[in-house]
Amino acid sequence: MKKFLVMLVMLVGVFAMTGCGSSSLVGNIIKDEGSLVKIMDEFKNLDGLKGKEILIFQDVNMYTGETGNRVVINILKPGTDDEVDNYEYRGGWSKARPVQLSGSGKAIDNCIPL
């Protein structure tokens, strides 16, 4: 539950920052909210995700620095309640990679809507 609350606070902060900014993908995506919005819009329009409800599994990680911008996100595979896919952004989105889950409980109980 604590992890869920931390993630929720982080996401609210990220989405609060996305209200304005330029659309350039160069620079720091954490400071340039317009870039982050553009990256996430691209994500929502990927094959298999477009028009579907996207549920984030546990967390989203964003990195910026000398190696460039990177976003790592795990989502509940649309149409399932216990399959998670991993996506990574590095100048473009990767294809879905299945995540091996362990432990008890259902994946869907650890998700929040994008």
PDB file of N, CA and C in Angstrom:
ATOM      1  N   MET A   1       0.826  -1.191   0.000  1.00  0.00           N
ATOM      2  CA  MET A   1       0.000   0.000   0.000  1.00  0.00           C
ATOM      3  C   MET A   1       0.872   1.257   0.000  1.00  0.00           C
ATOM      4  N   LYS A   2       1.956   1.230   0.768  1.00  0.00           N
ATOM      5  CA  LYS A   2       2.852   2.376   0.844  1.00  0.00           C
ATOM      6  C   LYS A   2       3.464   2.672  -0.528  1.00  0.00           C
ATOM      7  N   LYS A   3       3.877   1.606  -1.244  1.00  0.00           N
ATOM      8  CA  LYS A   3       4.460   1.763  -2.576  1.00  0.00           C
ATOM      9  C   LYS A   3       3.422   2.376  -3.526  1.00  0.00           C
ATOM     10  N   PHE A   4       2.193   1.927  -3.409  1.00  0.00           N
ATOM     11  CA  PHE A   4       1.119   2.444  -4.251  1.00  0.00           C
ATOM     12  C   PHE A   4       0.914   3.941  -4.014  1.00  0.00           C
ATOM     13  N   LEU A   5       0.907   4.361  -2.767  1.00  0.00           N
ATOM     14  CA  LEU A   5       0.713   5.773  -2.446  1.00  0.00           C
ATOM     15  C   LEU A   5       1.871   6.628  -2.954  1.00  0.00           C
ATOM     16  N   VAL A   6       3.090   6.134  -2.827  1.00  0.00           N
ATOM     17  CA  VAL A   6       4.253   6.877  -3.333  1.00  0.00           C
ATOM     18  C   VAL A   6       4.146   7.039  -4.841  1.00  0.00           C
ATOM     19  N   MET A   7       3.769   5.957  -5.543  1.00  0.00           N
ATOM     20  CA  MET A   7       3.626   6.035  -6.990  1.00  0.00           C
ATOM     21  C   MET A   7       2.520   7.003  -7.383  1.00  0.00           C
ATOM     22  N   LEU A   8       1.419   6.966  -6.663  1.00  0.00           N
ATOM     23  CA  LEU A   8       0.303   7.849  -6.955  1.00  0.00           C
ATOM     24  C   LEU A   8       0.715   9.306  -6.793  1.00  0.00           C
ATOM     25  N   VAL A   9       1.431   9.630  -5.738  1.00  0.00           N
ATOM     26  CA  VAL A   9       1.903  10.995  -5.524  1.00  0.00           C
ATOM     27  C   VAL A   9       2.853  11.410  -6.645  1.00  0.00           C
ATOM     28  N   MET A  10       3.751  10.496  -7.060  1.00  0.00           N
ATOM     29  CA  MET A  10       4.671  10.793  -8.142  1.00  0.00           C
ATOM     30  C   MET A  10       3.919  11.075  -9.445  1.00  0.00           C
ATOM     31  N   LEU A  11       2.941  10.241  -9.763  1.00  0.00           N
ATOM     32  CA  LEU A  11       2.181  10.437 -10.993  1.00  0.00           C
ATOM     33  C   LEU A  11       1.387  11.738 -10.979  1.00  0.00           C
ATOM     34  N   VAL A  12       0.779  12.051  -9.854  1.00  0.00           N
ATOM     35  CA  VAL A  12       0.034  13.308  -9.749  1.00  0.00           C
ATOM     36  C   VAL A  12       0.982  14.481  -9.996  1.00  0.00           C
ATOM     37  N   GLY A  13       2.175  14.420  -9.431  1.00  0.00           N
ATOM     38  CA  GLY A  13       3.165  15.475  -9.640  1.00  0.00           C
ATOM     39  C   GLY A  13       3.572  15.593 -11.094  1.00  0.00           C
ATOM     40  N   VAL A  14       3.797  14.465 -11.757  1.00  0.00           N
ATOM     41  CA  VAL A  14       4.182  14.481 -13.167  1.00  0.00           C
ATOM     42  C   VAL A  14       3.065  15.065 -14.011  1.00  0.00           C
ATOM     43  N   PHE A  15       1.827  14.634 -13.764  1.00  0.00           N
ATOM     44  CA  PHE A  15       0.722  15.141 -14.563  1.00  0.00           C
ATOM     45  C   PHE A  15       0.427  16.607 -14.254  1.00  0.00           C
ATOM     46  N   ALA A  16       0.689  17.051 -13.048  1.00  0.00           N
ATOM     47  CA  ALA A  16       0.514  18.468 -12.722  1.00  0.00           C
ATOM     48  C   ALA A  16       1.508  19.323 -13.489  1.00  0.00           C
ATOM     49  N   MET A  17       2.700  18.775 -13.728  1.00  0.00           N
ATOM     50  CA  MET A  17       3.724  19.519 -14.458  1.00  0.00           C
ATOM     51  C   MET A  17       3.475  19.542 -15.956  1.00  0.00           C
ATOM     52  N   THR A  18       2.580  18.711 -16.467  1.00  0.00           N
ATOM     53  CA  THR A  18       2.396  18.581 -17.911  1.00  0.00           C
ATOM     54  C   THR A  18       1.470  19.631 -18.509  1.00  0.00           C
ATOM     55  N   GLY A  19       1.060  20.604 -17.753  1.00  0.00           N
ATOM     56  CA  GLY A  19       0.125  21.611 -18.245  1.00  0.00           C
ATOM     57  C   GLY A  19       0.677  22.564 -19.280  1.00  0.00           C
ATOM     58  N   CYS A  20       1.990  22.798 -19.288  1.00  0.00           N
ATOM     59  CA  CYS A  20       2.566  23.734 -20.248  1.00  0.00           C
ATOM     60  C   CYS A  20       3.964  23.276 -20.614  1.00  0.00           C
ATOM     61  N   GLY A  21       4.568  23.959 -21.588  1.00  0.00           N
ATOM     62  CA  GLY A  21       5.929  23.635 -22.002  1.00  0.00           C
ATOM     63  C   GLY A  21       6.012  23.479 -23.497  1.00  0.00           C
ATOM     64  N   SER A  22       7.233  23.332 -23.992  1.00  0.00           N
ATOM     65  CA  SER A  22       7.438  23.188 -25.430  1.00  0.00           C
ATOM     66  C   SER A  22       7.294  21.732 -25.820  1.00  0.00           C
ATOM     67  N   SER A  23       7.314  21.472 -27.111  1.00  0.00           N
ATOM     68  CA  SER A  23       7.130  20.104 -27.576  1.00  0.00           C
ATOM     69  C   SER A  23       8.436  19.449 -27.999  1.00  0.00           C
ATOM     70  N   SER A  24       9.558  20.068 -27.716  1.00  0.00           N
ATOM     71  CA  SER A  24      10.854  19.505 -28.069  1.00  0.00           C
ATOM     72  C   SER A  24      11.171  18.300 -27.207  1.00  0.00           C
ATOM     73  N   LEU A  25      11.740  17.257 -27.819  1.00  0.00           N
ATOM     74  CA  LEU A  25      12.116  16.078 -27.065  1.00  0.00           C
ATOM     75  C   LEU A  25      13.584  16.127 -26.671  1.00  0.00           C
ATOM     76  N   VAL A  26      14.245  17.230 -26.955  1.00  0.00           N
ATOM     77  CA  VAL A  26      15.637  17.414 -26.588  1.00  0.00           C
ATOM     78  C   VAL A  26      15.685  18.086 -25.226  1.00  0.00           C
ATOM     79  N   GLY A  27      16.637  17.710 -24.401  1.00  0.00           N
ATOM     80  CA  GLY A  27      16.744  18.327 -23.083  1.00  0.00           C
ATOM     81  C   GLY A  27      16.206  17.404 -22.009  1.00  0.00           C
ATOM     82  N   ASN A  28      15.790  17.989 -20.923  1.00  0.00           N
ATOM     83  CA  ASN A  28      15.361  17.262 -19.745  1.00  0.00           C
ATOM     84  C   ASN A  28      13.843  17.083 -19.773  1.00  0.00           C
ATOM     85  N   ILE A  29      13.372  15.849 -19.983  1.00  0.00           N
ATOM     86  CA  ILE A  29      11.920  15.617 -20.086  1.00  0.00           C
ATOM     87  C   ILE A  29      11.212  15.818 -18.758  1.00  0.00           C
ATOM     88  N   ILE A  30      11.957  15.789 -17.665  1.00  0.00           N
ATOM     89  CA  ILE A  30      11.332  16.000 -16.366  1.00  0.00           C
ATOM     90  C   ILE A  30      11.037  17.478 -16.174  1.00  0.00           C
ATOM     91  N   LYS A  31      11.883  18.352 -16.711  1.00  0.00           N
ATOM     92  CA  LYS A  31      11.655  19.793 -16.614  1.00  0.00           C
ATOM     93  C   LYS A  31      10.808  20.316 -17.767  1.00  0.00           C
ATOM     94  N   ASP A  32      10.909  19.701 -18.937  1.00  0.00           N
ATOM     95  CA  ASP A  32      10.162  20.139 -20.116  1.00  0.00           C
ATOM     96  C   ASP A  32       8.887  19.319 -20.235  1.00  0.00           C
ATOM     97  N   GLU A  33       7.837  19.821 -19.587  1.00  0.00           N
ATOM     98  CA  GLU A  33       6.593  19.067 -19.490  1.00  0.00           C
ATOM     99  C   GLU A  33       5.982  18.742 -20.846  1.00  0.00           C
ATOM    100  N   GLY A  34       6.141  19.634 -21.813  1.00  0.00           N
ATOM    101  CA  GLY A  34       5.584  19.383 -23.143  1.00  0.00           C
ATOM    102  C   GLY A  34       6.169  18.138 -23.784  1.00  0.00           C
ATOM    103  N   SER A  35       7.463  17.903 -23.554  1.00  0.00           N
ATOM    104  CA  SER A  35       8.106  16.698 -24.093  1.00  0.00           C
ATOM    105  C   SER A  35       7.523  15.453 -23.468  1.00  0.00           C
ATOM    106  N   LEU A  36       7.317  15.484 -22.171  1.00  0.00           N
ATOM    107  CA  LEU A  36       6.759  14.319 -21.481  1.00  0.00           C
ATOM    108  C   LEU A  36       5.337  14.035 -21.975  1.00  0.00           C
ATOM    109  N   VAL A  37       4.553  15.064 -22.188  1.00  0.00           N
ATOM    110  CA  VAL A  37       3.188  14.886 -22.713  1.00  0.00           C
ATOM    111  C   VAL A  37       3.256  14.235 -24.095  1.00  0.00           C
ATOM    112  N   LYS A  38       4.167  14.713 -24.940  1.00  0.00           N
ATOM    113  CA  LYS A  38       4.292  14.158 -26.291  1.00  0.00           C
ATOM    114  C   LYS A  38       4.707  12.682 -26.236  1.00  0.00           C
ATOM    115  N   ILE A  39       5.658  12.360 -25.374  1.00  0.00           N
ATOM    116  CA  ILE A  39       6.113  10.981 -25.231  1.00  0.00           C
ATOM    117  C   ILE A  39       4.956  10.083 -24.782  1.00  0.00           C
ATOM    118  N   MET A  40       4.179  10.533 -23.800  1.00  0.00           N
ATOM    119  CA  MET A  40       3.076   9.718 -23.296  1.00  0.00           C
ATOM    120  C   MET A  40       1.934   9.622 -24.305  1.00  0.00           C
ATOM    121  N   ASP A  41       1.724  10.673 -25.105  1.00  0.00           N
ATOM    122  CA  ASP A  41       0.725  10.581 -26.180  1.00  0.00           C
ATOM    123  C   ASP A  41       1.143   9.525 -27.202  1.00  0.00           C
ATOM    124  N   GLU A  42       2.447   9.485 -27.526  1.00  0.00           N
ATOM    125  CA  GLU A  42       2.946   8.456 -28.436  1.00  0.00           C
ATOM    126  C   GLU A  42       2.699   7.069 -27.841  1.00  0.00           C
ATOM    127  N   PHE A  43       2.915   6.937 -26.537  1.00  0.00           N
ATOM    128  CA  PHE A  43       2.715   5.656 -25.868  1.00  0.00           C
ATOM    129  C   PHE A  43       1.263   5.209 -25.981  1.00  0.00           C
ATOM    130  N   LYS A  44       0.332   6.119 -25.716  1.00  0.00           N
ATOM    131  CA  LYS A  44      -1.090   5.774 -25.748  1.00  0.00           C
ATOM    132  C   LYS A  44      -1.566   5.378 -27.142  1.00  0.00           C
ATOM    133  N   ASN A  45      -0.792   5.742 -28.186  1.00  0.00           N
ATOM    134  CA  ASN A  45      -1.172   5.437 -29.559  1.00  0.00           C
ATOM    135  C   ASN A  45      -0.408   4.264 -30.155  1.00  0.00           C
ATOM    136  N   LEU A  46       0.347   3.531 -29.339  1.00  0.00           N
ATOM    137  CA  LEU A  46       1.049   2.355 -29.833  1.00  0.00           C
ATOM    138  C   LEU A  46       0.050   1.278 -30.245  1.00  0.00           C
ATOM    139  N   ASP A  47       0.471   0.441 -31.206  1.00  0.00           N
ATOM    140  CA  ASP A  47      -0.369  -0.693 -31.609  1.00  0.00           C
ATOM    141  C   ASP A  47      -0.686  -1.545 -30.384  1.00  0.00           C
ATOM    142  N   GLY A  48      -1.916  -1.918 -30.235  1.00  0.00           N
ATOM    143  CA  GLY A  48      -2.352  -2.734 -29.106  1.00  0.00           C
ATOM    144  C   GLY A  48      -2.792  -1.919 -27.899  1.00  0.00           C
ATOM    145  N   LEU A  49      -2.472  -0.614 -27.881  1.00  0.00           N
ATOM    146  CA  LEU A  49      -2.866   0.233 -26.755  1.00  0.00           C
ATOM    147  C   LEU A  49      -3.854   1.320 -27.154  1.00  0.00           C
ATOM    148  N   LYS A  50      -3.847   1.696 -28.416  1.00  0.00           N
ATOM    149  CA  LYS A  50      -4.681   2.801 -28.877  1.00  0.00           C
ATOM    150  C   LYS A  50      -6.158   2.522 -28.589  1.00  0.00           C
ATOM    151  N   GLY A  51      -6.794   3.473 -27.911  1.00  0.00           N
ATOM    152  CA  GLY A  51      -8.212   3.372 -27.607  1.00  0.00           C
ATOM    153  C   GLY A  51      -8.553   2.455 -26.442  1.00  0.00           C
ATOM    154  N   LYS A  52      -7.538   1.903 -25.789  1.00  0.00           N
ATOM    155  CA  LYS A  52      -7.795   0.994 -24.670  1.00  0.00           C
ATOM    156  C   LYS A  52      -7.420   1.659 -23.357  1.00  0.00           C
ATOM    157  N   GLU A  53      -8.059   1.199 -22.281  1.00  0.00           N
ATOM    158  CA  GLU A  53      -7.706   1.698 -20.956  1.00  0.00           C
ATOM    159  C   GLU A  53      -6.313   1.169 -20.608  1.00  0.00           C
ATOM    160  N   ILE A  54      -5.429   2.076 -20.196  1.00  0.00           N
ATOM    161  CA  ILE A  54      -4.072   1.688 -19.825  1.00  0.00           C
ATOM    162  C   ILE A  54      -3.958   1.752 -18.308  1.00  0.00           C
ATOM    163  N   LEU A  55      -3.596   0.619 -17.722  1.00  0.00           N
ATOM    164  CA  LEU A  55      -3.418   0.528 -16.276  1.00  0.00           C
ATOM    165  C   LEU A  55      -1.931   0.344 -15.971  1.00  0.00           C
ATOM    166  N   ILE A  56      -1.382   1.272 -15.200  1.00  0.00           N
ATOM    167  CA  ILE A  56       0.029   1.220 -14.826  1.00  0.00           C
ATOM    168  C   ILE A  56       0.196   0.222 -13.692  1.00  0.00           C
ATOM    169  N   PHE A  57       1.168  -0.664 -13.849  1.00  0.00           N
ATOM    170  CA  PHE A  57       1.485  -1.643 -12.814  1.00  0.00           C
ATOM    171  C   PHE A  57       2.633  -1.113 -11.963  1.00  0.00           C
ATOM    172  N   GLN A  58       2.357  -0.785 -10.740  1.00  0.00           N
ATOM    173  CA  GLN A  58       3.280  -0.379  -9.685  1.00  0.00           C
ATOM    174  C   GLN A  58       4.007   0.937  -9.911  1.00  0.00           C
ATOM    175  N   ASP A  59       4.747   1.150 -10.988  1.00  0.00           N
ATOM    176  CA  ASP A  59       5.500   2.402 -11.071  1.00  0.00           C
ATOM    177  C   ASP A  59       5.861   2.790 -12.501  1.00  0.00           C
ATOM    178  N   VAL A  60       6.286   4.051 -12.628  1.00  0.00           N
ATOM    179  CA  VAL A  60       6.831   4.602 -13.861  1.00  0.00           C
ATOM    180  C   VAL A  60       8.163   5.224 -13.468  1.00  0.00           C
ATOM    181  N   ASN A  61       9.198   4.967 -14.254  1.00  0.00           N
ATOM    182  CA  ASN A  61      10.507   5.543 -13.971  1.00  0.00           C
ATOM    183  C   ASN A  61      10.921   6.432 -15.130  1.00  0.00           C
ATOM    184  N   MET A  62      11.417   7.633 -14.804  1.00  0.00           N
ATOM    185  CA  MET A  62      11.891   8.573 -15.810  1.00  0.00           C
ATOM    186  C   MET A  62      13.325   8.946 -15.495  1.00  0.00           C
ATOM    187  N   TYR A  63      14.148   8.959 -16.540  1.00  0.00           N
ATOM    188  CA  TYR A  63      15.559   9.284 -16.390  1.00  0.00           C
ATOM    189  C   TYR A  63      15.936  10.323 -17.430  1.00  0.00           C
ATOM    190  N   THR A  64      16.881  11.172 -17.073  1.00  0.00           N
ATOM    191  CA  THR A  64      17.418  12.144 -18.012  1.00  0.00           C
ATOM    192  C   THR A  64      18.869  12.374 -17.649  1.00  0.00           C
ATOM    193  N   GLY A  65      19.662  12.699 -18.625  1.00  0.00           N
ATOM    194  CA  GLY A  65      21.077  12.922 -18.353  1.00  0.00           C
ATOM    195  C   GLY A  65      21.902  12.803 -19.614  1.00  0.00           C
ATOM    196  N   GLU A  66      23.182  12.504 -19.433  1.00  0.00           N
ATOM    197  CA  GLU A  66      24.114  12.427 -20.553  1.00  0.00           C
ATOM    198  C   GLU A  66      23.722  11.366 -21.570  1.00  0.00           C
ATOM    199  N   THR A  67      23.085  10.311 -21.129  1.00  0.00           N
ATOM    200  CA  THR A  67      22.682   9.238 -22.046  1.00  0.00           C
ATOM    201  C   THR A  67      21.344   9.523 -22.718  1.00  0.00           C
ATOM    202  N   GLY A  68      20.724  10.649 -22.417  1.00  0.00           N
ATOM    203  CA  GLY A  68      19.454  11.012 -23.027  1.00  0.00           C
ATOM    204  C   GLY A  68      18.281  10.762 -22.109  1.00  0.00           C
ATOM    205  N   ASN A  69      17.100  10.917 -22.661  1.00  0.00           N
ATOM    206  CA  ASN A  69      15.867  10.725 -21.900  1.00  0.00           C
ATOM    207  C   ASN A  69      15.430   9.272 -21.993  1.00  0.00           C
ATOM    208  N   ARG A  70      14.884   8.783 -20.882  1.00  0.00           N
ATOM    209  CA  ARG A  70      14.408   7.403 -20.849  1.00  0.00           C
ATOM    210  C   ARG A  70      13.197   7.333 -19.929  1.00  0.00           C
ATOM    211  N   VAL A  71      12.179   6.582 -20.371  1.00  0.00           N
ATOM    212  CA  VAL A  71      10.992   6.315 -19.568  1.00  0.00           C
ATOM    213  C   VAL A  71      10.800   4.799 -19.564  1.00  0.00           C
ATOM    214  N   VAL A  72      10.586   4.235 -18.397  1.00  0.00           N
ATOM    215  CA  VAL A  72      10.326   2.802 -18.260  1.00  0.00           C
ATOM    216  C   VAL A  72       8.974   2.661 -17.569  1.00  0.00           C
ATOM    217  N   ILE A  73       8.075   1.913 -18.200  1.00  0.00           N
ATOM    218  CA  ILE A  73       6.728   1.771 -17.667  1.00  0.00           C
ATOM    219  C   ILE A  73       6.274   0.314 -17.798  1.00  0.00           C
ATOM    220  N   ASN A  74       5.638  -0.181 -16.760  1.00  0.00           N
ATOM    221  CA  ASN A  74       5.018  -1.499 -16.777  1.00  0.00           C
ATOM    222  C   ASN A  74       3.512  -1.293 -16.740  1.00  0.00           C
ATOM    223  N   ILE A  75       2.808  -1.967 -17.638  1.00  0.00           N
ATOM    224  CA  ILE A  75       1.353  -1.837 -17.672  1.00  0.00           C
ATOM    225  C   ILE A  75       0.705  -3.219 -17.671  1.00  0.00           C
ATOM    226  N   LEU A  76      -0.514  -3.237 -17.203  1.00  0.00           N
ATOM    227  CA  LEU A  76      -1.319  -4.450 -17.291  1.00  0.00           C
ATOM    228  C   LEU A  76      -1.691  -4.629 -18.763  1.00  0.00           C
ATOM    229  N   LYS A  77      -1.391  -5.779 -19.310  1.00  0.00           N
ATOM    230  CA  LYS A  77      -1.707  -6.042 -20.709  1.00  0.00           C
ATOM    231  C   LYS A  77      -3.209  -5.889 -20.900  1.00  0.00           C
ATOM    232  N   PRO A  78      -3.630  -5.020 -21.836  1.00  0.00           N
ATOM    233  CA  PRO A  78      -5.068  -4.808 -22.041  1.00  0.00           C
ATOM    234  C   PRO A  78      -5.808  -6.120 -22.284  1.00  0.00           C
ATOM    235  N   GLY A  79      -6.949  -6.248 -21.623  1.00  0.00           N
ATOM    236  CA  GLY A  79      -7.778  -7.439 -21.764  1.00  0.00           C
ATOM    237  C   GLY A  79      -7.418  -8.562 -20.804  1.00  0.00           C
ATOM    238  N   THR A  80      -6.418  -8.330 -19.940  1.00  0.00           N
ATOM    239  CA  THR A  80      -6.031  -9.352 -18.962  1.00  0.00           C
ATOM    240  C   THR A  80      -6.121  -8.760 -17.561  1.00  0.00           C
ATOM    241  N   ASP A  81      -6.031  -9.608 -16.554  1.00  0.00           N
ATOM    242  CA  ASP A  81      -5.986  -9.077 -15.188  1.00  0.00           C
ATOM    243  C   ASP A  81      -4.752  -9.568 -14.429  1.00  0.00           C
ATOM    244  N   ASP A  82      -3.848 -10.286 -15.131  1.00  0.00           N
ATOM    245  CA  ASP A  82      -2.670 -10.790 -14.441  1.00  0.00           C
ATOM    246  C   ASP A  82      -1.438 -10.912 -15.351  1.00  0.00           C
ATOM    247  N   GLU A  83      -1.429 -10.186 -16.480  1.00  0.00           N
ATOM    248  CA  GLU A  83      -0.273 -10.194 -17.380  1.00  0.00           C
ATOM    249  C   GLU A  83       0.244  -8.762 -17.497  1.00  0.00           C
ATOM    250  N   VAL A  84       1.542  -8.594 -17.287  1.00  0.00           N
ATOM    251  CA  VAL A  84       2.151  -7.266 -17.298  1.00  0.00           C
ATOM    252  C   VAL A  84       3.180  -7.188 -18.411  1.00  0.00           C
ATOM    253  N   ASP A  85       3.163  -6.075 -19.136  1.00  0.00           N
ATOM    254  CA  ASP A  85       4.143  -5.814 -20.188  1.00  0.00           C
ATOM    255  C   ASP A  85       4.991  -4.613 -19.802  1.00  0.00           C
ATOM    256  N   ASN A  86       6.261  -4.649 -20.207  1.00  0.00           N
ATOM    257  CA  ASN A  86       7.201  -3.568 -19.963  1.00  0.00           C
ATOM    258  C   ASN A  86       7.469  -2.851 -21.274  1.00  0.00           C
ATOM    259  N   TYR A  87       7.505  -1.524 -21.217  1.00  0.00           N
ATOM    260  CA  TYR A  87       7.842  -0.683 -22.357  1.00  0.00           C
ATOM    261  C   TYR A  87       8.939   0.270 -21.930  1.00  0.00           C
ATOM    262  N   GLU A  88       9.804   0.622 -22.885  1.00  0.00           N
ATOM    263  CA  GLU A  88      10.862   1.573 -22.592  1.00  0.00           C
ATOM    264  C   GLU A  88      10.958   2.591 -23.718  1.00  0.00           C
ATOM    265  N   TYR A  89      11.084   3.857 -23.331  1.00  0.00           N
ATOM    266  CA  TYR A  89      11.259   4.943 -24.293  1.00  0.00           C
ATOM    267  C   TYR A  89      12.709   5.407 -24.258  1.00  0.00           C
ATOM    268  N   ARG A  90      13.359   5.391 -25.417  1.00  0.00           N
ATOM    269  CA  ARG A  90      14.702   5.960 -25.623  1.00  0.00           C
ATOM    270  C   ARG A  90      14.702   6.545 -27.030  1.00  0.00           C
ATOM    271  N   GLY A  91      14.093   7.683 -27.186  1.00  0.00           N
ATOM    272  CA  GLY A  91      13.967   8.282 -28.509  1.00  0.00           C
ATOM    273  C   GLY A  91      12.826   7.668 -29.309  1.00  0.00           C
ATOM    274  N   GLY A  92      12.187   6.663 -28.791  1.00  0.00           N
ATOM    275  CA  GLY A  92      11.061   5.961 -29.386  1.00  0.00           C
ATOM    276  C   GLY A  92      10.684   4.816 -28.464  1.00  0.00           C
ATOM    277  N   TRP A  93       9.474   4.330 -28.581  1.00  0.00           N
ATOM    278  CA  TRP A  93       8.988   3.283 -27.678  1.00  0.00           C
ATOM    279  C   TRP A  93       9.391   1.908 -28.163  1.00  0.00           C
ATOM    280  N   SER A  94       9.807   1.059 -27.239  1.00  0.00           N
ATOM    281  CA  SER A  94      10.117  -0.338 -27.539  1.00  0.00           C
ATOM    282  C   SER A  94       8.822  -1.119 -27.732  1.00  0.00           C
ATOM    283  N   LYS A  95       8.961  -2.317 -28.232  1.00  0.00           N
ATOM    284  CA  LYS A  95       7.816  -3.231 -28.290  1.00  0.00           C
ATOM    285  C   LYS A  95       7.583  -3.779 -26.887  1.00  0.00           C
ATOM    286  N   ALA A  96       6.398  -4.296 -26.655  1.00  0.00           N
ATOM    287  CA  ALA A  96       6.043  -4.861 -25.347  1.00  0.00           C
ATOM    288  C   ALA A  96       6.939  -6.054 -25.036  1.00  0.00           C
ATOM    289  N   ARG A  97       7.410  -6.079 -23.797  1.00  0.00           N
ATOM    290  CA  ARG A  97       8.178  -7.215 -23.294  1.00  0.00           C
ATOM    291  C   ARG A  97       7.445  -7.752 -22.069  1.00  0.00           C
ATOM    292  N   PRO A  98       7.109  -9.044 -22.050  1.00  0.00           N
ATOM    293  CA  PRO A  98       6.395  -9.600 -20.897  1.00  0.00           C
ATOM    294  C   PRO A  98       7.245  -9.523 -19.630  1.00  0.00           C
ATOM    295  N   VAL A  99       6.594  -9.259 -18.509  1.00  0.00           N
ATOM    296  CA  VAL A  99       7.255  -9.193 -17.208  1.00  0.00           C
ATOM    297  C   VAL A  99       6.910 -10.468 -16.443  1.00  0.00           C
ATOM    298  N   GLN A 100       7.936 -11.125 -15.893  1.00  0.00           N
ATOM    299  CA  GLN A 100       7.718 -12.319 -15.074  1.00  0.00           C
ATOM    300  C   GLN A 100       7.331 -11.864 -13.673  1.00  0.00           C
ATOM    301  N   LEU A 101       6.128 -12.164 -13.254  1.00  0.00           N
ATOM    302  CA  LEU A 101       5.640 -11.772 -11.935  1.00  0.00           C
ATOM    303  C   LEU A 101       5.878 -12.889 -10.935  1.00  0.00           C
ATOM    304  N   SER A 102       6.052 -12.495  -9.689  1.00  0.00           N
ATOM    305  CA  SER A 102       6.193 -13.475  -8.621  1.00  0.00           C
ATOM    306  C   SER A 102       5.429 -12.965  -7.401  1.00  0.00           C
ATOM    307  N   GLY A 103       5.204 -13.839  -6.474  1.00  0.00           N
ATOM    308  CA  GLY A 103       4.481 -13.443  -5.268  1.00  0.00           C
ATOM    309  C   GLY A 103       3.009 -13.760  -5.372  1.00  0.00           C
ATOM    310  N   SER A 104       2.330 -13.522  -4.265  1.00  0.00           N
ATOM    311  CA  SER A 104       0.901 -13.806  -4.238  1.00  0.00           C
ATOM    312  C   SER A 104       0.123 -12.544  -4.593  1.00  0.00           C
ATOM    313  N   GLY A 105      -1.126 -12.695  -4.847  1.00  0.00           N
ATOM    314  CA  GLY A 105      -1.971 -11.559  -5.198  1.00  0.00           C
ATOM    315  C   GLY A 105      -2.146 -11.459  -6.705  1.00  0.00           C
ATOM    316  N   LYS A 106      -3.021 -10.536  -7.083  1.00  0.00           N
ATOM    317  CA  LYS A 106      -3.311 -10.332  -8.502  1.00  0.00           C
ATOM    318  C   LYS A 106      -2.660  -9.032  -8.961  1.00  0.00           C
ATOM    319  N   ALA A 107      -2.151  -9.035 -10.174  1.00  0.00           N
ATOM    320  CA  ALA A 107      -1.502  -7.856 -10.747  1.00  0.00           C
ATOM    321  C   ALA A 107      -2.468  -6.674 -10.795  1.00  0.00           C
ATOM    322  N   ILE A 108      -3.710  -6.945 -11.145  1.00  0.00           N
ATOM    323  CA  ILE A 108      -4.679  -5.866 -11.289  1.00  0.00           C
ATOM    324  C   ILE A 108      -4.889  -5.079  -9.995  1.00  0.00           C
ATOM    325  N   ASP A 109      -4.638  -5.720  -8.857  1.00  0.00           N
ATOM    326  CA  ASP A 109      -4.785  -5.043  -7.559  1.00  0.00           C
ATOM    327  C   ASP A 109      -3.662  -4.043  -7.298  1.00  0.00           C
ATOM    328  N   ASN A 110      -2.622  -4.046  -8.134  1.00  0.00           N
ATOM    329  CA  ASN A 110      -1.482  -3.143  -7.986  1.00  0.00           C
ATOM    330  C   ASN A 110      -1.379  -2.157  -9.144  1.00  0.00           C
ATOM    331  N   CYS A 111      -2.520  -1.832  -9.741  1.00  0.00           N
ATOM    332  CA  CYS A 111      -2.547  -0.952 -10.914  1.00  0.00           C
ATOM    333  C   CYS A 111      -3.369   0.311 -10.660  1.00  0.00           C
ATOM    334  N   ILE A 112      -2.996   1.365 -11.389  1.00  0.00           N
ATOM    335  CA  ILE A 112      -3.778   2.593 -11.400  1.00  0.00           C
ATOM    336  C   ILE A 112      -3.917   3.049 -12.858  1.00  0.00           C
ATOM    337  N   PRO A 113      -4.996   3.736 -13.192  1.00  0.00           N
ATOM    338  CA  PRO A 113      -5.178   4.200 -14.570  1.00  0.00           C
ATOM    339  C   PRO A 113      -4.148   5.254 -14.946  1.00  0.00           C
ATOM    340  N   LEU A 114      -3.705   5.216 -16.206  1.00  0.00           N
ATOM    341  CA  LEU A 114      -2.827   6.235 -16.736  1.00  0.00           C
ATOM    342  C   LEU A 114      -3.637   7.463 -16.893  1.00  0.00           C
TER     343      LEU A 114
END
